[in-house]
């Protein structure tokens, strides 16, 4: 019998999209960071769950924490160097509502770089049951604080993200 997976019947091959589903995506080349947060009373909307706009706030708060503790480059350092990040695009997929008092983790990672920006993926996971509350991505563009225009990401800054 051959050890070559191409010799297996399609239903026996690991790359088959059978009952177990498709193979998992390749691991990210960039680190994933997590920040734990808790739903506050002012996050709740009239339907008694977290208002959709707060999920964006959660990701932004987590990124500030992760820039300082994960990448070792707090946002204040970008400002000191004359740079900032503008959000160009946001995609948010709401899966399961967060409610008053829920503790959750915001997990983020860089998917890719462009010359002037970065795509950051995220997941918000409720800790009590490990349910995915929201996922998506943000495209950020690096800008000069002085001009407000997009600039190329300097190699030294790009290197900070290579963890």
C-alpha atoms as a PDB file:
ATOM      1  CA  UNK A   1       0.000   0.000   0.000  1.00  0.00           C
ATOM      2  CA  UNK A   2       1.293   3.468  -0.931  1.00  0.00           C
ATOM      3  CA  UNK A   3       1.873   6.254   1.615  1.00  0.00           C
ATOM      4  CA  UNK A   4       1.141   8.898  -1.038  1.00  0.00           C
ATOM      5  CA  UNK A   5      -2.137  10.699  -0.078  1.00  0.00           C
ATOM      6  CA  UNK A   6      -2.968  11.085  -3.785  1.00  0.00           C
ATOM      7  CA  UNK A   7      -3.456   7.291  -3.902  1.00  0.00           C
ATOM      8  CA  UNK A   8      -6.270   7.405  -1.313  1.00  0.00           C
ATOM      9  CA  UNK A   9      -9.923   7.481  -2.245  1.00  0.00           C
ATOM     10  CA  UNK A  10     -11.318  11.043  -2.107  1.00  0.00           C
ATOM     11  CA  UNK A  11     -13.313  10.322   1.082  1.00  0.00           C
ATOM     12  CA  UNK A  12     -10.122   9.065   2.826  1.00  0.00           C
ATOM     13  CA  UNK A  13      -7.950  12.040   1.968  1.00  0.00           C
ATOM     14  CA  UNK A  14      -7.182  14.703   4.578  1.00  0.00           C
ATOM     15  CA  UNK A  15      -7.774  17.492   2.044  1.00  0.00           C
ATOM     16  CA  UNK A  16     -11.315  16.298   1.376  1.00  0.00           C
ATOM     17  CA  UNK A  17     -14.159  18.569   2.494  1.00  0.00           C
ATOM     18  CA  UNK A  18     -16.150  15.648   3.916  1.00  0.00           C
ATOM     19  CA  UNK A  19     -17.992  15.463   7.246  1.00  0.00           C
ATOM     20  CA  UNK A  20     -15.096  17.024   9.160  1.00  0.00           C
ATOM     21  CA  UNK A  21     -15.259  20.087   6.898  1.00  0.00           C
ATOM     22  CA  UNK A  22     -12.475  21.797   5.003  1.00  0.00           C
ATOM     23  CA  UNK A  23      -8.923  21.742   6.341  1.00  0.00           C
ATOM     24  CA  UNK A  24      -8.099  24.557   8.781  1.00  0.00           C
ATOM     25  CA  UNK A  25      -6.511  27.692   7.346  1.00  0.00           C
ATOM     26  CA  UNK A  26      -2.726  27.953   7.518  1.00  0.00           C
ATOM     27  CA  UNK A  27      -1.451  29.580  10.706  1.00  0.00           C
ATOM     28  CA  UNK A  28      -0.906  33.323  10.668  1.00  0.00           C
ATOM     29  CA  UNK A  29       2.693  34.426  10.307  1.00  0.00           C
ATOM     30  CA  UNK A  30       1.934  37.188  12.809  1.00  0.00           C
ATOM     31  CA  UNK A  31       1.246  36.777  16.524  1.00  0.00           C
ATOM     32  CA  UNK A  32      -2.271  36.719  17.905  1.00  0.00           C
ATOM     33  CA  UNK A  33      -2.937  38.768  21.003  1.00  0.00           C
ATOM     34  CA  UNK A  34      -5.838  38.666  23.457  1.00  0.00           C
ATOM     35  CA  UNK A  35      -7.288  41.288  25.761  1.00  0.00           C
ATOM     36  CA  UNK A  36      -9.976  40.482  28.316  1.00  0.00           C
ATOM     37  CA  UNK A  37     -12.785  43.001  28.800  1.00  0.00           C
ATOM     38  CA  UNK A  38     -16.206  43.119  30.468  1.00  0.00           C
ATOM     39  CA  UNK A  39     -19.559  44.498  29.294  1.00  0.00           C
ATOM     40  CA  UNK A  40     -20.410  47.676  31.182  1.00  0.00           C
ATOM     41  CA  UNK A  41     -23.893  49.068  31.882  1.00  0.00           C
ATOM     42  CA  UNK A  42     -23.454  51.906  29.375  1.00  0.00           C
ATOM     43  CA  UNK A  43     -22.718  49.343  26.600  1.00  0.00           C
ATOM     44  CA  UNK A  44     -26.286  47.981  26.752  1.00  0.00           C
ATOM     45  CA  UNK A  45     -28.932  49.104  24.238  1.00  0.00           C
ATOM     46  CA  UNK A  46     -32.736  49.110  24.468  1.00  0.00           C
ATOM     47  CA  UNK A  47     -32.823  45.404  23.529  1.00  0.00           C
ATOM     48  CA  UNK A  48     -30.773  44.534  26.652  1.00  0.00           C
ATOM     49  CA  UNK A  49     -27.627  43.455  24.826  1.00  0.00           C
ATOM     50  CA  UNK A  50     -24.481  45.248  23.696  1.00  0.00           C
ATOM     51  CA  UNK A  51     -25.106  47.899  21.040  1.00  0.00           C
ATOM     52  CA  UNK A  52     -23.391  47.097  17.739  1.00  0.00           C
ATOM     53  CA  UNK A  53     -21.223  50.236  17.870  1.00  0.00           C
ATOM     54  CA  UNK A  54     -19.597  49.050  21.105  1.00  0.00           C
ATOM     55  CA  UNK A  55     -17.999  46.055  19.393  1.00  0.00           C
ATOM     56  CA  UNK A  56     -15.836  48.463  17.393  1.00  0.00           C
ATOM     57  CA  UNK A  57     -14.922  50.227  20.639  1.00  0.00           C
ATOM     58  CA  UNK A  58     -13.928  46.870  22.157  1.00  0.00           C
ATOM     59  CA  UNK A  59     -11.583  46.079  19.275  1.00  0.00           C
ATOM     60  CA  UNK A  60     -10.020  49.542  19.382  1.00  0.00           C
ATOM     61  CA  UNK A  61      -9.504  49.327  23.168  1.00  0.00           C
ATOM     62  CA  UNK A  62      -7.920  45.892  22.765  1.00  0.00           C
ATOM     63  CA  UNK A  63      -5.610  47.137  19.997  1.00  0.00           C
ATOM     64  CA  UNK A  64      -4.372  49.991  22.215  1.00  0.00           C
ATOM     65  CA  UNK A  65      -3.592  47.442  24.948  1.00  0.00           C
ATOM     66  CA  UNK A  66      -1.989  45.022  22.503  1.00  0.00           C
ATOM     67  CA  UNK A  67       0.146  47.681  20.815  1.00  0.00           C
ATOM     68  CA  UNK A  68       1.718  48.471  24.175  1.00  0.00           C
ATOM     69  CA  UNK A  69       1.985  45.011  25.726  1.00  0.00           C
ATOM     70  CA  UNK A  70       2.218  42.719  22.692  1.00  0.00           C
ATOM     71  CA  UNK A  71       4.101  44.744  20.114  1.00  0.00           C
ATOM     72  CA  UNK A  72       5.989  46.857  22.674  1.00  0.00           C
ATOM     73  CA  UNK A  73       5.022  50.032  20.802  1.00  0.00           C
ATOM     74  CA  UNK A  74       2.252  52.036  22.480  1.00  0.00           C
ATOM     75  CA  UNK A  75       0.108  54.316  20.351  1.00  0.00           C
ATOM     76  CA  UNK A  76       1.748  57.331  22.027  1.00  0.00           C
ATOM     77  CA  UNK A  77       5.016  56.256  20.370  1.00  0.00           C
ATOM     78  CA  UNK A  78       3.415  56.506  16.921  1.00  0.00           C
ATOM     79  CA  UNK A  79       2.234  60.032  17.758  1.00  0.00           C
ATOM     80  CA  UNK A  80       5.705  60.962  19.031  1.00  0.00           C
ATOM     81  CA  UNK A  81       7.120  59.831  15.670  1.00  0.00           C
ATOM     82  CA  UNK A  82       4.512  61.882  13.814  1.00  0.00           C
ATOM     83  CA  UNK A  83       2.307  58.980  12.688  1.00  0.00           C
ATOM     84  CA  UNK A  84      -1.219  57.830  13.264  1.00  0.00           C
ATOM     85  CA  UNK A  85      -3.590  55.152  12.003  1.00  0.00           C
ATOM     86  CA  UNK A  86      -6.818  55.944  10.172  1.00  0.00           C
ATOM     87  CA  UNK A  87      -9.445  53.279   9.730  1.00  0.00           C
ATOM     88  CA  UNK A  88     -10.200  52.864   6.027  1.00  0.00           C
ATOM     89  CA  UNK A  89     -12.601  49.896   6.083  1.00  0.00           C
ATOM     90  CA  UNK A  90     -14.404  47.822   8.692  1.00  0.00           C
ATOM     91  CA  UNK A  91     -16.167  44.497   8.334  1.00  0.00           C
ATOM     92  CA  UNK A  92     -18.031  43.206  11.389  1.00  0.00           C
ATOM     93  CA  UNK A  93     -20.017  39.972  11.539  1.00  0.00           C
ATOM     94  CA  UNK A  94     -22.323  39.735  14.545  1.00  0.00           C
ATOM     95  CA  UNK A  95     -22.817  36.136  15.684  1.00  0.00           C
ATOM     96  CA  UNK A  96     -24.084  35.989  19.266  1.00  0.00           C
ATOM     97  CA  UNK A  97     -25.039  38.911  21.543  1.00  0.00           C
ATOM     98  CA  UNK A  98     -23.049  39.957  24.558  1.00  0.00           C
ATOM     99  CA  UNK A  99     -25.088  40.914  27.601  1.00  0.00           C
ATOM    100  CA  UNK A 100     -24.658  42.865  30.837  1.00  0.00           C
ATOM    101  CA  UNK A 101     -21.698  41.640  32.857  1.00  0.00           C
ATOM    102  CA  UNK A 102     -20.354  39.220  30.233  1.00  0.00           C
ATOM    103  CA  UNK A 103     -16.598  38.820  30.258  1.00  0.00           C
ATOM    104  CA  UNK A 104     -15.036  38.355  26.851  1.00  0.00           C
ATOM    105  CA  UNK A 105     -11.737  38.208  25.007  1.00  0.00           C
ATOM    106  CA  UNK A 106     -10.841  40.309  21.996  1.00  0.00           C
ATOM    107  CA  UNK A 107      -8.334  38.357  19.887  1.00  0.00           C
ATOM    108  CA  UNK A 108      -6.578  40.226  17.076  1.00  0.00           C
ATOM    109  CA  UNK A 109      -3.876  39.489  14.556  1.00  0.00           C
ATOM    110  CA  UNK A 110      -2.408  41.037  11.443  1.00  0.00           C
ATOM    111  CA  UNK A 111      -3.500  39.330   8.258  1.00  0.00           C
ATOM    112  CA  UNK A 112      -1.341  41.334   5.883  1.00  0.00           C
ATOM    113  CA  UNK A 113       0.575  44.531   5.231  1.00  0.00           C
ATOM    114  CA  UNK A 114       0.391  46.884   2.284  1.00  0.00           C
ATOM    115  CA  UNK A 115       2.836  49.708   1.594  1.00  0.00           C
ATOM    116  CA  UNK A 116       0.689  52.145   3.580  1.00  0.00           C
ATOM    117  CA  UNK A 117      -1.491  49.985   5.773  1.00  0.00           C
ATOM    118  CA  UNK A 118      -2.396  46.836   7.581  1.00  0.00           C
ATOM    119  CA  UNK A 119      -5.385  44.490   7.698  1.00  0.00           C
ATOM    120  CA  UNK A 120      -6.217  43.414  11.254  1.00  0.00           C
ATOM    121  CA  UNK A 121      -8.506  40.435  11.836  1.00  0.00           C
ATOM    122  CA  UNK A 122     -10.413  40.078  15.095  1.00  0.00           C
ATOM    123  CA  UNK A 123     -12.656  37.785  17.103  1.00  0.00           C
ATOM    124  CA  UNK A 124     -14.689  38.614  20.190  1.00  0.00           C
ATOM    125  CA  UNK A 125     -15.338  35.498  22.269  1.00  0.00           C
ATOM    126  CA  UNK A 126     -17.607  35.291  25.346  1.00  0.00           C
ATOM    127  CA  UNK A 127     -15.617  33.593  28.099  1.00  0.00           C
ATOM    128  CA  UNK A 128     -18.503  31.819  29.887  1.00  0.00           C
ATOM    129  CA  UNK A 129     -19.311  29.537  26.948  1.00  0.00           C
ATOM    130  CA  UNK A 130     -16.517  30.292  24.435  1.00  0.00           C
ATOM    131  CA  UNK A 131     -19.127  31.446  21.890  1.00  0.00           C
ATOM    132  CA  UNK A 132     -18.036  33.726  19.082  1.00  0.00           C
ATOM    133  CA  UNK A 133     -19.895  37.010  19.559  1.00  0.00           C
ATOM    134  CA  UNK A 134     -18.396  38.918  16.637  1.00  0.00           C
ATOM    135  CA  UNK A 135     -15.592  38.645  14.103  1.00  0.00           C
ATOM    136  CA  UNK A 136     -14.304  40.621  11.168  1.00  0.00           C
ATOM    137  CA  UNK A 137     -11.447  42.843  10.097  1.00  0.00           C
ATOM    138  CA  UNK A 138     -10.277  46.444   9.878  1.00  0.00           C
ATOM    139  CA  UNK A 139      -8.051  48.038   7.251  1.00  0.00           C
ATOM    140  CA  UNK A 140      -5.876  50.757   8.772  1.00  0.00           C
ATOM    141  CA  UNK A 141      -3.781  53.275   6.839  1.00  0.00           C
ATOM    142  CA  UNK A 142      -0.713  54.936   8.338  1.00  0.00           C
ATOM    143  CA  UNK A 143      -0.843  58.704   8.059  1.00  0.00           C
ATOM    144  CA  UNK A 144       1.420  61.619   8.786  1.00  0.00           C
ATOM    145  CA  UNK A 145      -0.050  63.534  11.734  1.00  0.00           C
ATOM    146  CA  UNK A 146       1.309  66.746  10.197  1.00  0.00           C
ATOM    147  CA  UNK A 147      -0.377  66.367   6.798  1.00  0.00           C
ATOM    148  CA  UNK A 148      -3.145  63.863   7.486  1.00  0.00           C
ATOM    149  CA  UNK A 149      -2.088  62.017   4.328  1.00  0.00           C
ATOM    150  CA  UNK A 150      -1.148  58.376   3.911  1.00  0.00           C
ATOM    151  CA  UNK A 151       2.546  57.498   4.195  1.00  0.00           C
ATOM    152  CA  UNK A 152       4.559  54.331   3.650  1.00  0.00           C
ATOM    153  CA  UNK A 153       5.037  52.313   6.800  1.00  0.00           C
ATOM    154  CA  UNK A 154       8.701  52.715   7.796  1.00  0.00           C
ATOM    155  CA  UNK A 155      10.717  49.483   7.979  1.00  0.00           C
ATOM    156  CA  UNK A 156      11.472  50.031  11.682  1.00  0.00           C
ATOM    157  CA  UNK A 157       7.763  50.201  12.496  1.00  0.00           C
ATOM    158  CA  UNK A 158       6.909  47.271  10.214  1.00  0.00           C
ATOM    159  CA  UNK A 159       9.576  45.281  12.067  1.00  0.00           C
ATOM    160  CA  UNK A 160       7.771  45.852  15.403  1.00  0.00           C
ATOM    161  CA  UNK A 161       4.842  43.835  14.057  1.00  0.00           C
ATOM    162  CA  UNK A 162       6.975  40.850  13.094  1.00  0.00           C
ATOM    163  CA  UNK A 163       6.395  39.058  16.398  1.00  0.00           C
END
